[in-house]
């Protein structure tokens, strides 16, 4: 009897579902039960994950872990323990992770079992070691046997860091494929009546408005940062629809911060709803890596609410501006940022994120490796030495207004 070759895919947050949606569908169609989709449980409420499975027609997870979410440390500890037990049981040929969140620390479980590790979204760097995500993505890249980097610039960063170039495959960014397949094609959009209902409920039918999201720990766990973000939203002087995560909402309560009068705060929403609001907005205020890339593809201006970013290519479109909530801004500074973003839609350049075939490339390469067993084709080279280069924290210089 031929031994089964199982491919395990581990995801944990809703941007993972969006970015991996086409890959998961393709892999499931080809591999059937030999694809085991594991949900880490990092996001667990319906509007943080399940609605995305439904709208994007993504296969439901085969296994859902029950993590201790009382803290990041408890989550990571329980993730490594539970994922290790799961992998021991299913014995996959390789384990695939995506991104830079708590969930990718599960790669430590795979490494301890000597199971080949695949990292999608590899070699991104903000060069800001204060970010937990920077530590996570650096760790998994150095543990991985195969790294899918979206752009040549990312591959070059990994090689400069000492990663073996034979392990890195440049694919393009799957967010381009996802937007083209689902939203821009009209496959996953709101019916006119449903869209009108949504916009009416938010008071943004036929009026200019901004879309805002905010969830990063370094932003929401500081009262001063949250205050500055709200001041920026108030400076638009137009309606702002704030799709706020539950942790963000709780922090606003903890800090006794009220949203400005022009800001309407709502719970997280589905993919179709978010994209409909994004494409018709004046601009987007966000600290989301996924949404700022989607904005670049949709040719919608954005303000990156980040001290530093691993995605500086969105600045190259001319449509994105940096706002650092950890520094003080005068009212005139805020006005300049808002006014600059407001007028960038007509002058934005085409994005350079990919050609719409990244998901296909990654899926085909994964299947080929699964069939051949070639997860570790690279050979150790004792003569190789990492090339040191001091970048500092500077990639966001591209985002000056």
Protein backbone atom coordinates (compact mmCIF):
# COMPACT_ATOMS: atom_id res chain seq x y z
CA UNK A 1 0.00 0.00 0.00
CA UNK A 2 1.29 3.45 -0.94
CA UNK A 3 1.95 5.57 2.13
CA UNK A 4 -0.16 8.72 2.31
CA UNK A 5 1.66 12.01 1.98
CA UNK A 6 -0.24 14.48 4.12
CA UNK A 7 0.22 18.22 3.84
CA UNK A 8 -0.78 20.19 6.94
CA UNK A 9 -1.71 23.88 6.66
CA UNK A 10 -1.87 25.90 9.88
CA UNK A 11 -3.68 29.26 9.92
CA UNK A 12 -5.07 31.34 12.74
CA UNK A 13 -6.40 34.81 11.87
CA UNK A 14 -8.85 36.16 9.32
CA UNK A 15 -6.26 37.83 7.06
CA UNK A 16 -4.76 34.33 6.76
CA UNK A 17 -8.09 33.05 5.46
CA UNK A 18 -8.25 35.82 2.87
CA UNK A 19 -4.70 35.44 1.61
CA UNK A 20 -4.75 31.61 1.57
CA UNK A 21 -8.30 31.19 0.27
CA UNK A 22 -7.46 30.32 -3.36
CA UNK A 23 -4.56 28.11 -2.31
CA UNK A 24 -6.71 26.17 0.15
CA UNK A 25 -9.42 25.57 -2.44
CA UNK A 26 -6.90 24.40 -5.03
CA UNK A 27 -5.01 22.16 -2.61
CA UNK A 28 -8.23 20.63 -1.27
CA UNK A 29 -9.44 19.91 -4.79
CA UNK A 30 -6.19 18.15 -5.69
CA UNK A 31 -5.29 16.45 -2.41
CA UNK A 32 -8.68 15.77 -0.85
CA UNK A 33 -8.23 14.21 2.59
CA UNK A 34 -4.45 14.38 2.22
CA UNK A 35 -4.74 18.09 2.97
CA UNK A 36 -5.25 18.67 6.69
CA UNK A 37 -6.31 22.24 7.48
CA UNK A 38 -5.58 23.15 11.11
CA UNK A 39 -7.07 26.29 12.67
CA UNK A 40 -4.96 27.51 15.56
CA UNK A 41 -7.85 29.23 17.32
CA UNK A 42 -6.12 32.63 17.54
CA UNK A 43 -9.29 34.18 16.06
CA UNK A 44 -12.38 32.34 17.20
CA UNK A 45 -15.56 34.45 16.85
CA UNK A 46 -17.90 34.21 13.84
CA UNK A 47 -17.17 37.65 12.40
CA UNK A 48 -13.44 37.21 12.95
CA UNK A 49 -13.23 33.99 10.92
CA UNK A 50 -16.37 31.98 10.04
CA UNK A 51 -17.95 34.64 7.82
CA UNK A 52 -14.75 34.62 5.74
CA UNK A 53 -14.96 30.85 5.27
CA UNK A 54 -18.52 31.26 4.02
CA UNK A 55 -18.04 34.28 1.76
CA UNK A 56 -14.81 33.01 0.17
CA UNK A 57 -15.99 29.38 -0.01
CA UNK A 58 -12.93 28.20 1.91
CA UNK A 59 -12.88 24.58 3.16
CA UNK A 60 -13.70 24.38 6.86
CA UNK A 61 -10.79 23.43 9.14
CA UNK A 62 -10.32 19.73 9.73
CA UNK A 63 -8.90 20.42 13.19
CA UNK A 64 -9.44 23.41 15.48
CA UNK A 65 -7.16 23.81 18.46
CA UNK A 66 -8.49 25.00 21.81
CA UNK A 67 -5.93 27.53 22.92
CA UNK A 68 -5.53 29.40 26.17
CA UNK A 69 -6.13 32.97 24.96
CA UNK A 70 -5.71 34.67 28.33
CA UNK A 71 -2.42 36.19 27.16
CA UNK A 72 -0.09 36.03 24.18
CA UNK A 73 2.34 33.93 26.18
CA UNK A 74 -0.36 31.46 27.26
CA UNK A 75 -1.61 31.27 23.67
CA UNK A 76 1.82 30.52 22.25
CA UNK A 77 2.58 27.93 24.92
CA UNK A 78 -0.68 26.07 24.43
CA UNK A 79 -0.30 26.36 20.63
CA UNK A 80 3.11 24.67 20.62
CA UNK A 81 1.90 21.94 22.95
CA UNK A 82 -1.37 21.19 21.15
CA UNK A 83 0.02 21.52 17.64
CA UNK A 84 2.90 19.23 18.57
CA UNK A 85 0.44 16.57 19.73
CA UNK A 86 -1.64 17.00 16.55
CA UNK A 87 1.36 16.73 14.24
CA UNK A 88 2.60 13.66 16.09
CA UNK A 89 -0.75 12.04 15.41
CA UNK A 90 -1.26 12.95 11.74
CA UNK A 91 2.44 12.68 10.71
CA UNK A 92 2.41 15.18 7.82
CA UNK A 93 5.09 15.29 5.15
CA UNK A 94 5.35 19.04 5.75
CA UNK A 95 3.62 21.83 7.64
CA UNK A 96 2.68 25.14 5.98
CA UNK A 97 2.38 28.43 7.89
CA UNK A 98 1.51 31.92 6.63
CA UNK A 99 2.36 35.35 7.96
CA UNK A 100 3.90 36.64 11.19
CA UNK A 101 1.35 36.25 13.99
CA UNK A 102 1.33 34.18 17.17
CA UNK A 103 0.22 31.21 15.06
CA UNK A 104 3.54 30.92 13.19
CA UNK A 105 5.34 30.23 16.47
CA UNK A 106 3.76 26.80 16.09
CA UNK A 107 6.67 26.14 13.71
CA UNK A 108 8.67 25.37 16.86
CA UNK A 109 6.46 22.31 17.35
CA UNK A 110 7.16 21.13 13.80
CA UNK A 111 10.89 21.83 14.22
CA UNK A 112 11.01 19.76 17.41
CA UNK A 113 9.54 16.83 15.46
CA UNK A 114 11.88 17.37 12.47
CA UNK A 115 8.93 17.92 10.12
CA UNK A 116 9.75 20.12 7.09
CA UNK A 117 8.42 23.66 7.54
CA UNK A 118 7.04 25.91 4.79
CA UNK A 119 6.57 29.65 5.32
CA UNK A 120 4.33 31.66 3.02
CA UNK A 121 5.01 35.43 3.24
CA UNK A 122 8.66 34.98 4.03
CA UNK A 123 11.55 37.43 4.30
CA UNK A 124 9.42 40.50 5.04
CA UNK A 125 11.25 42.80 7.44
CA UNK A 126 10.41 46.08 9.15
CA UNK A 127 13.87 46.16 10.75
CA UNK A 128 12.11 47.18 13.94
CA UNK A 129 12.97 44.58 16.55
CA UNK A 130 10.45 46.08 19.00
CA UNK A 131 7.63 44.45 17.03
CA UNK A 132 6.73 40.90 18.19
CA UNK A 133 5.81 40.12 14.57
CA UNK A 134 9.38 40.94 13.48
CA UNK A 135 10.71 38.35 15.91
CA UNK A 136 8.14 35.76 14.80
CA UNK A 137 8.73 36.12 11.05
CA UNK A 138 12.50 36.10 11.51
CA UNK A 139 12.29 32.96 13.65
CA UNK A 140 10.09 31.00 11.27
CA UNK A 141 12.17 32.00 8.24
CA UNK A 142 15.27 30.58 9.89
CA UNK A 143 13.40 27.40 10.82
CA UNK A 144 11.84 26.91 7.39
CA UNK A 145 12.91 24.46 4.69
CA UNK A 146 10.92 26.27 1.98
CA UNK A 147 10.16 30.00 2.00
CA UNK A 148 7.69 31.65 -0.39
CA UNK A 149 8.67 35.31 -0.66
CA UNK A 150 6.25 37.60 -2.47
CA UNK A 151 8.80 39.90 -4.12
CA UNK A 152 12.47 39.84 -5.20
CA UNK A 153 13.12 42.61 -2.66
CA UNK A 154 12.00 40.28 0.12
CA UNK A 155 14.17 37.43 -1.17
CA UNK A 156 17.18 39.75 -1.23
CA UNK A 157 16.51 40.77 2.37
CA UNK A 158 16.50 37.12 3.41
CA UNK A 159 19.76 36.38 1.58
CA UNK A 160 21.44 39.41 3.17
CA UNK A 161 20.32 38.00 6.51
CA UNK A 162 22.08 34.71 5.78
CA UNK A 163 19.17 32.59 4.52
CA UNK A 164 20.04 30.02 1.86
CA UNK A 165 18.75 31.39 -1.48
CA UNK A 166 17.96 27.84 -2.65
CA UNK A 167 15.22 27.73 0.00
CA UNK A 168 13.48 30.91 -1.21
CA UNK A 169 10.91 30.93 -4.02
CA UNK A 170 9.57 34.29 -5.30
CA UNK A 171 5.85 34.01 -6.06
CA UNK A 172 4.13 37.40 -6.11
CA UNK A 173 1.59 38.47 -3.51
CA UNK A 174 -1.59 36.33 -3.35
CA UNK A 175 -3.67 39.31 -2.18
CA UNK A 176 -3.68 40.43 -5.82
CA UNK A 177 -5.12 37.07 -6.94
CA UNK A 178 -7.72 37.08 -4.18
CA UNK A 179 -8.99 40.57 -4.99
CA UNK A 180 -9.14 39.85 -8.71
CA UNK A 181 -10.88 36.49 -8.25
CA UNK A 182 -13.42 37.42 -5.60
CA UNK A 183 -14.10 41.14 -5.45
CA UNK A 184 -13.03 42.77 -8.70
CA UNK A 185 -14.68 39.97 -10.69
CA UNK A 186 -17.96 40.56 -8.83
CA UNK A 187 -18.01 37.00 -7.48
CA UNK A 188 -18.01 38.10 -3.84
CA UNK A 189 -19.69 41.48 -3.54
CA UNK A 190 -22.86 42.76 -1.93
CA UNK A 191 -26.10 42.79 -3.86
CA UNK A 192 -27.17 46.41 -4.59
CA UNK A 193 -29.95 46.25 -1.98
CA UNK A 194 -27.62 44.80 0.68
CA UNK A 195 -24.96 47.39 -0.09
CA UNK A 196 -27.50 50.20 0.13
CA UNK A 197 -28.73 48.84 3.47
CA UNK A 198 -25.19 48.68 4.84
CA UNK A 199 -24.29 52.18 3.70
CA UNK A 200 -27.59 53.59 4.98
CA UNK A 201 -27.08 51.97 8.38
CA UNK A 202 -23.69 53.67 8.62
CA UNK A 203 -24.89 57.00 7.27
CA UNK A 204 -22.48 56.99 4.33
CA UNK A 205 -24.80 56.78 1.34
CA UNK A 206 -23.87 59.57 -1.07
CA UNK A 207 -21.53 61.28 1.42
CA UNK A 208 -17.72 61.20 1.56
CA UNK A 209 -16.34 58.93 4.29
CA UNK A 210 -13.12 57.28 5.44
CA UNK A 211 -12.65 53.65 6.46
CA UNK A 212 -10.54 52.87 9.52
CA UNK A 213 -9.21 49.75 11.26
CA UNK A 214 -6.79 49.45 14.16
CA UNK A 215 -5.67 46.33 16.00
CA UNK A 216 -1.89 46.20 16.53
CA UNK A 217 -0.78 45.70 20.11
CA UNK A 218 1.75 48.52 20.04
CA UNK A 219 -1.07 50.89 18.99
CA UNK A 220 -3.98 49.81 21.15
CA UNK A 221 -2.16 49.03 24.38
CA UNK A 222 -0.96 52.62 24.72
CA UNK A 223 -3.48 55.28 25.74
CA UNK A 224 -1.36 57.98 24.10
CA UNK A 225 -1.22 56.11 20.79
CA UNK A 226 -4.95 55.47 20.75
CA UNK A 227 -5.63 59.14 21.52
CA UNK A 228 -3.44 60.22 18.61
CA UNK A 229 -5.16 57.78 16.26
CA UNK A 230 -8.56 59.17 17.25
CA UNK A 231 -7.23 62.73 16.78
CA UNK A 232 -6.17 61.80 13.25
CA UNK A 233 -9.63 60.39 12.50
CA UNK A 234 -11.26 63.54 13.88
CA UNK A 235 -9.06 65.70 11.66
CA UNK A 236 -10.69 64.27 8.51
CA UNK A 237 -13.80 66.31 9.42
CA UNK A 238 -15.73 63.73 7.39
CA UNK A 239 -17.50 60.55 8.41
CA UNK A 240 -15.14 57.78 9.55
CA UNK A 241 -16.36 54.16 9.67
CA UNK A 242 -14.20 52.46 12.29
CA UNK A 243 -14.35 48.64 12.04
CA UNK A 244 -12.76 47.94 15.41
CA UNK A 245 -11.62 44.58 16.71
CA UNK A 246 -12.94 43.48 20.08
CA UNK A 247 -9.58 43.93 21.77
CA UNK A 248 -9.45 47.49 20.44
CA UNK A 249 -12.95 48.19 21.72
CA UNK A 250 -12.00 46.86 25.14
CA UNK A 251 -8.89 49.03 25.28
CA UNK A 252 -10.94 52.12 24.43
CA UNK A 253 -13.16 51.30 27.40
CA UNK A 254 -10.21 50.55 29.67
CA UNK A 255 -8.67 53.94 28.84
CA UNK A 256 -12.05 55.74 29.01
CA UNK A 257 -11.54 57.08 25.49
CA UNK A 258 -14.57 58.24 23.52
CA UNK A 259 -14.58 58.25 19.73
CA UNK A 260 -14.93 61.67 18.05
CA UNK A 261 -18.39 62.69 16.81
CA UNK A 262 -17.49 62.01 13.18
CA UNK A 263 -16.40 58.42 13.94
CA UNK A 264 -18.89 55.54 13.83
CA UNK A 265 -17.42 52.46 15.51
CA UNK A 266 -18.70 49.05 14.40
CA UNK A 267 -17.80 45.43 15.09
CA UNK A 268 -15.55 43.56 12.63
CA UNK A 269 -17.32 42.84 9.33
CA UNK A 270 -17.09 40.34 6.48
CA UNK A 271 -14.81 40.43 3.47
CA UNK A 272 -17.47 41.63 1.02
CA UNK A 273 -18.63 44.38 3.38
CA UNK A 274 -15.09 45.56 4.10
CA UNK A 275 -14.11 45.69 0.42
CA UNK A 276 -17.31 47.54 -0.55
CA UNK A 277 -16.57 50.17 2.09
CA UNK A 278 -12.90 50.33 1.13
CA UNK A 279 -13.34 50.88 -2.60
CA UNK A 280 -15.84 53.74 -2.17
CA UNK A 281 -13.99 55.51 0.65
CA UNK A 282 -12.06 58.77 0.41
CA UNK A 283 -9.08 56.93 1.94
CA UNK A 284 -8.28 54.24 4.49
CA UNK A 285 -6.71 54.72 7.92
CA UNK A 286 -5.24 51.39 9.02
CA UNK A 287 -2.46 49.47 10.75
CA UNK A 288 -3.37 46.30 8.86
CA UNK A 289 -0.77 44.88 6.51
CA UNK A 290 -3.42 43.13 4.45
CA UNK A 291 -5.77 46.10 4.11
CA UNK A 292 -3.02 48.51 3.09
CA UNK A 293 -2.05 46.10 0.28
CA UNK A 294 -5.68 45.73 -0.75
CA UNK A 295 -5.90 49.52 -0.86
CA UNK A 296 -2.91 49.63 -3.23
CA UNK A 297 -4.54 47.08 -5.56
CA UNK A 298 -7.90 48.90 -5.43
CA UNK A 299 -6.14 52.25 -6.02
CA UNK A 300 -7.52 53.73 -2.81
CA UNK A 301 -5.24 56.05 -0.78
CA UNK A 302 -4.20 54.86 2.66
CA UNK A 303 -2.57 56.17 5.81
CA UNK A 304 -0.43 53.54 7.50
CA UNK A 305 -0.84 53.86 11.26
CA UNK A 306 2.54 52.28 11.91
CA UNK A 307 5.88 53.18 13.45
CA UNK A 308 7.51 50.95 10.84
CA UNK A 309 6.30 48.58 8.16
CA UNK A 310 7.47 45.42 6.43
CA UNK A 311 5.44 46.41 3.33
CA UNK A 312 7.09 49.63 2.03
CA UNK A 313 6.10 48.80 -1.58
CA UNK A 314 2.67 50.32 -0.99
CA UNK A 315 4.40 53.68 -0.54
CA UNK A 316 5.85 53.28 -4.03
CA UNK A 317 2.37 53.62 -5.54
CA UNK A 318 2.29 57.21 -4.28
CA UNK A 319 -0.98 56.40 -2.57
CA UNK A 320 0.12 55.66 0.98
CA UNK A 321 1.35 57.92 3.78
CA UNK A 322 2.89 57.14 7.14
CA UNK A 323 1.37 58.20 10.46
CA UNK A 324 3.36 57.17 13.53
CA UNK A 325 1.03 57.14 16.56
CA UNK A 326 4.03 57.01 18.89
CA UNK A 327 5.12 60.54 18.09
CA UNK A 328 3.41 63.88 18.61
CA UNK A 329 1.84 65.81 15.74
CA UNK A 330 0.57 69.37 15.65
CA UNK A 331 -2.89 70.08 14.28
CA UNK A 332 -1.29 71.43 11.11
CA UNK A 333 0.72 68.19 10.76
CA UNK A 334 -2.45 66.10 11.04
CA UNK A 335 -4.20 68.35 8.55
CA UNK A 336 -1.32 67.92 6.10
CA UNK A 337 -1.45 64.11 6.37
CA UNK A 338 -5.22 63.98 5.92
CA UNK A 339 -5.27 66.50 3.10
CA UNK A 340 -2.43 64.74 1.30
CA UNK A 341 -4.20 61.36 1.50
CA UNK A 342 -7.49 62.85 0.35
CA UNK A 343 -6.00 63.98 -2.97
CA UNK A 344 -3.84 60.98 -3.87
CA UNK A 345 -6.41 58.73 -5.56
CA UNK A 346 -6.06 60.35 -9.00
CA UNK A 347 -2.24 60.30 -8.97
CA UNK A 348 -1.59 56.79 -7.66
CA UNK A 349 0.72 54.57 -9.68
CA UNK A 350 0.06 50.91 -10.46
CA UNK A 351 1.06 48.55 -7.66
CA UNK A 352 4.03 46.17 -8.02
CA UNK A 353 2.71 43.45 -5.70
CA UNK A 354 2.18 40.72 -8.25
CA UNK A 355 0.56 39.52 -11.48
CA UNK A 356 -2.41 37.64 -10.03
CA UNK A 357 -0.87 34.16 -10.25
CA UNK A 358 0.83 33.82 -6.86
CA UNK A 359 -1.73 31.41 -5.38
CA UNK A 360 -1.42 29.17 -8.43
CA UNK A 361 2.39 29.17 -8.24
CA UNK A 362 2.44 28.33 -4.53
CA UNK A 363 -0.20 25.58 -4.83
CA UNK A 364 1.55 23.92 -7.78
CA UNK A 365 4.94 24.07 -6.09
CA UNK A 366 3.54 22.58 -2.87
CA UNK A 367 1.92 19.70 -4.75
CA UNK A 368 5.09 19.04 -6.74
CA UNK A 369 7.15 18.92 -3.54
CA UNK A 370 4.60 16.70 -1.82
CA UNK A 371 4.74 14.22 -4.71
CA UNK A 372 8.54 14.28 -4.96
CA UNK A 373 9.32 14.57 -1.27
CA UNK A 374 11.74 17.39 -2.08
CA UNK A 375 11.36 19.66 0.93
CA UNK A 376 15.05 19.81 1.74
CA UNK A 377 16.77 20.04 -1.62
CA UNK A 378 19.30 22.59 -0.36
CA UNK A 379 22.64 21.38 0.96
CA UNK A 380 24.47 22.87 3.92
CA UNK A 381 27.40 25.01 2.85
CA UNK A 382 29.91 25.56 5.64
CA UNK A 383 31.69 28.21 3.57
CA UNK A 384 28.65 30.48 3.43
CA UNK A 385 28.69 33.41 5.81
CA UNK A 386 25.81 35.81 6.42
CA UNK A 387 26.31 39.24 4.93
CA UNK A 388 25.84 41.90 7.60
CA UNK A 389 24.00 45.04 6.70
CA UNK A 390 22.65 47.63 9.10
CA UNK A 391 19.31 48.88 7.78
CA UNK A 392 18.10 50.59 10.91
CA UNK A 393 14.43 51.59 10.98
CA UNK A 394 14.07 53.46 7.74
CA UNK A 395 11.77 51.78 5.26
CA UNK A 396 8.93 54.12 6.15
CA UNK A 397 10.81 57.08 4.74
CA UNK A 398 8.98 56.14 1.53
CA UNK A 399 5.74 57.21 3.18
CA UNK A 400 6.30 60.88 3.88
CA UNK A 401 3.32 63.12 2.93
